[in-house]
Amino acid sequence: MCGILAVLGVYRGADTIKFKVLERTRRLNHRGPDWSSTYTKGHNIISHTRLAIMDPESGEQPLYNEKKDVVLGVNGEIYNYKELENSLKKEHNFKTKSDCEVILYLYEEHGINFVSQLNGIFAFVLYDETQDAYMIARDHMGIIPLYMGRDRDGGVWISSELKGLHDVCVTFQDFPPGHTYWSKTESFVKWYKPIWHDEAYLSTNAMDLVALREGLEAAVERQLMSDVPFGTLLSGGLDSSLITAIACRVLKKKENLPFPRLHTFSIGLNGSPDLAAAQVVADKLGTVHHGWTFTIEQGLNALSSVIYHLETYDVTTCRAATPMFLMSRKIKALGVKMVLSGEGADEMFGGYLYFHKCPDRTEFQKETVRKLKSLYKFDCLRANKSCAAWGVEARVPFLDKLFLDQVMSEINPTDKMCGFKAEPKGRMEKWILRKAFEGYLPDEVLWRQKEQFSDGVGYSWIDSLRDQANTIVIDDEFKAAKYKFPHNTPHTKESYMIRDIFETHFPEQSAREAVPGGPSVACSTPAAVLWDASFAKFADCSGRSVGVHNSAYDEEERASGVVGVIDESTLAKSEELVALLSQVDTSDKSIVESAAKAAAE
């Protein structure tokens, strides 16, 4: 993980604003605390702060080609760099062992049309002195953040984070994922064009659990490349537990590792469901596990810093990012620089609880595509920036380009469905993923119901955020919210409080417009709120707002293969369940189960 700050086409010459650029580069030092260097020539500046993971001794940036007339600043990891080096037609004198240097020579041999060959997470700026032209690119999903803006003189600013350019640019925006920009044409070009981007596309393939399992295993193995100590984030949910289980299997085949055993990390309030489940997984897999607790006060005290680093006022993201932010600081203190995380699985496989009410396979596919296309503004942003705040890089194997395309293009959406429209009826969310990895995890984890991270760390975390907002935001100012915040007007006091903090850090209109809005239930898109009339009555981003939460999945159902059957009366009484849950201390799991049982009866 690194930080890039570039200014291209400086009207008066790069030297005139060099110190302004260096000042703003320091705002990105958390992303790259290991080294910093700057290219300044003519009308262009490329400044880079480095987090050294591959080739920590000689891989500092910016990077230069052999003639030193092409310069490159990269934030990211190229997982297939060895294959790409072998594919080059000419011999090149590589000066580093960095995975990113190959980009220079791909450009020399292919021009700007090489980015689709990369499998990795990246954002980069490349300047060609001979052509006096620059190229900008971002990875397929926007896993690595990147922003673009223009100052009053028309100069183009590029930054890994909004804080690098927001108060110098008159307009700015997210650089679109899966795109390149070439200064000669002054245009964006979409380089990532998979068949599944067409929401009307539906695979009719037969289910292949072996291919699914092998695809994810390959993705994890690709992303384990590192020259420094690493670990996995382990919440105890299905996704992070699978990544950890696969990583353990891969590492058994490797030698000379920075750690002799895999280290795993989790966080939660005292008694949280995630901490307990994570320990079960760690004990089963034999990892060196670090399970940390945080207090409500620590979370609330960190909220402003979290929002500053996230650069968003989306409530779901801020809720989940706070414990992740606190955990990343602990991880950094152990000397770990890279972690694998489970983001992306819920979007690919329909893992959120609202998918139980998806009406048909066509709508299921469309919703997963909608979720994935916007993921760079939500979970990708959260995972990257929460960790990068403390100099830790988060990698996301589920979103590996090859595996993502396999899941979204080759798997029939019928086989991903859950709830009463699935076959067998009422089966659990992410059933196909669970079946593909039977035997990799204890059953109580493999068939554990979906918990959103902000819920799983302890339900009282969200409740305390709401209580804090009710204390801080008075009724009269909340009633006038539409005048203070006419764009994306907050609809709850919690969202008002978070928005207020955001605007103390980023007051510009472009910053407000960079954050998505619209109704949501349990992390759905606004379109999915229309799936069920009850959604509109208790729409909230927490998974607890969906009636299927905490419904029973018993042993007999698992044995029969009809896993996670939920009777229709439970769904029909979802509002009653939500009302019960709001009245109890849901940090105690036994109370939650009793409430769910009462609602069903």
Foldseek 3Di string as FASTA:
>chain_A
DKKKKKKAQAPVAQVVCVVVLVVLRVVLCLLAVLDKDWDGDGRMIIIMGHQDWFQNPPPDDQDAFPVRQKTKDKDWAFLCLVVLQVPQPDDGDDPTRGSPNSVVRQCVVPNPQPQVVTFIFMWMKMAGNVVRKIKTAGAQQLLQWKKWFAAPVGIIIIISDCSSPQVGGPFMATDAHQWMAIRVVRDIDRNDDFPLLPLQDFAPFDDDLQVLVVLLLVLLLSPPDTPFDEAAEAQLAQQSLVSRLSVLVNCVPDPDHNDPFHEYEYEFAVLFQRLVSRVQSCVVSVGNYDYYYDDLVQLVVCQLVQCLLLLALPLLLSLLLSRLLVRLQVVVVVVHAEYEYRPDPCLLLVQFPLLLLQDALSSNSSQSSVCSSCCSQGPSSSQARSNSSNNHGYDHSCVRPVNSSCSSNHDGSQVSGAAQRHVVHHAAGRLSVLVSPPPSGPPCNSQPRDFRSSVRSFPVSVVVLLVVLPVVDDPVVLVVQCVVPVDQRDPGSSSVVSVVSSCVNRVDPNSSVNHDHAFAALPGDNVSCVSDPCCVVQTDNGSLQQQLPLADFDPVCVVVVRTRHDDPLSRVLSVQLSVLVVPDRPSDVVSNNVSSVVSSD
